[in-house]
């Protein structure tokens, strides 16, 4: 496992123990960076208009299309560190 992957795994664990809950925009950023780092570009259909949360998550993830897993991991680590 690379140093980056180790740091990413630690940041994922740390994200569950933040001193206060981040705002919704930050939560979407955390979610989308995690998904891009672990699964790559968004796939599947965009949720319908009745699924507001699903749509917001899909859209946030879709904005990261083309970003490499390593870049997404590093941004995730940096974001979680800034929230501690």
Protein backbone atom coordinates (compact mmCIF):
# COMPACT_ATOMS: atom_id res chain seq x y z
CA UNK A 1 0.00 0.00 0.00
CA UNK A 2 1.36 3.43 -0.93
CA UNK A 3 1.82 6.31 1.49
CA UNK A 4 -1.08 8.09 -0.18
CA UNK A 5 -3.40 5.10 0.25
CA UNK A 6 -2.40 4.85 3.91
CA UNK A 7 -3.06 8.56 4.43
CA UNK A 8 -6.38 8.22 2.61
CA UNK A 9 -7.53 5.33 4.80
CA UNK A 10 -6.57 7.30 7.91
CA UNK A 11 -8.47 10.35 6.61
CA UNK A 12 -11.55 8.19 5.99
CA UNK A 13 -11.41 7.01 9.61
CA UNK A 14 -10.75 10.57 10.81
CA UNK A 15 -13.74 11.87 8.83
CA UNK A 16 -16.02 9.94 11.18
CA UNK A 17 -14.50 11.66 14.22
CA UNK A 18 -14.49 15.32 13.20
CA UNK A 19 -15.05 17.80 16.05
CA UNK A 20 -18.18 19.18 14.35
CA UNK A 21 -20.35 18.13 11.46
CA UNK A 22 -19.39 19.93 8.22
CA UNK A 23 -21.98 21.91 6.27
CA UNK A 24 -23.84 20.25 3.40
CA UNK A 25 -21.57 21.64 0.68
CA UNK A 26 -18.51 20.24 2.45
CA UNK A 27 -20.23 16.91 3.03
CA UNK A 28 -20.94 16.69 -0.71
CA UNK A 29 -17.29 17.46 -1.43
CA UNK A 30 -16.16 14.73 0.99
CA UNK A 31 -18.59 12.26 -0.60
CA UNK A 32 -17.64 13.07 -4.17
CA UNK A 33 -13.89 12.93 -3.54
CA UNK A 34 -14.30 9.57 -1.76
CA UNK A 35 -16.35 8.12 -4.61
CA UNK A 36 -13.95 9.43 -7.27
CA UNK A 37 -10.97 8.01 -5.35
CA UNK A 38 -12.53 4.59 -4.80
CA UNK A 39 -14.75 4.05 -7.87
CA UNK A 40 -13.60 6.48 -10.57
CA UNK A 41 -15.94 8.49 -12.76
CA UNK A 42 -19.64 8.55 -11.94
CA UNK A 43 -21.74 5.87 -13.64
CA UNK A 44 -25.40 5.16 -14.02
CA UNK A 45 -28.32 7.49 -14.52
CA UNK A 46 -28.81 10.75 -12.68
CA UNK A 47 -31.53 10.29 -10.02
CA UNK A 48 -34.94 11.80 -10.72
CA UNK A 49 -36.07 15.17 -9.41
CA UNK A 50 -37.88 13.57 -6.46
CA UNK A 51 -34.55 12.26 -5.08
CA UNK A 52 -32.97 15.60 -4.17
CA UNK A 53 -30.17 14.12 -2.06
CA UNK A 54 -29.30 11.50 -4.66
CA UNK A 55 -29.22 14.16 -7.38
CA UNK A 56 -26.96 16.43 -5.33
CA UNK A 57 -24.56 13.55 -4.66
CA UNK A 58 -24.58 12.50 -8.32
CA UNK A 59 -23.95 16.04 -9.53
CA UNK A 60 -21.11 16.64 -7.06
CA UNK A 61 -19.44 13.39 -8.13
CA UNK A 62 -20.01 14.09 -11.85
CA UNK A 63 -18.10 17.39 -11.50
CA UNK A 64 -14.97 15.36 -10.72
CA UNK A 65 -15.12 13.35 -13.94
CA UNK A 66 -11.62 12.72 -15.29
CA UNK A 67 -9.86 13.38 -11.98
CA UNK A 68 -7.39 10.59 -11.17
CA UNK A 69 -7.86 8.42 -8.10
CA UNK A 70 -4.55 9.67 -6.66
CA UNK A 71 -5.57 13.32 -7.08
CA UNK A 72 -8.96 12.65 -5.49
CA UNK A 73 -7.31 10.81 -2.58
CA UNK A 74 -4.89 13.68 -1.98
CA UNK A 75 -7.67 16.27 -2.07
CA UNK A 76 -9.74 14.14 0.32
CA UNK A 77 -6.82 13.87 2.76
CA UNK A 78 -6.19 17.64 2.55
CA UNK A 79 -9.87 18.44 3.08
CA UNK A 80 -10.23 16.21 6.14
CA UNK A 81 -7.02 17.63 7.61
CA UNK A 82 -8.40 21.16 7.19
CA UNK A 83 -11.57 20.19 9.09
CA UNK A 84 -9.80 18.80 12.15
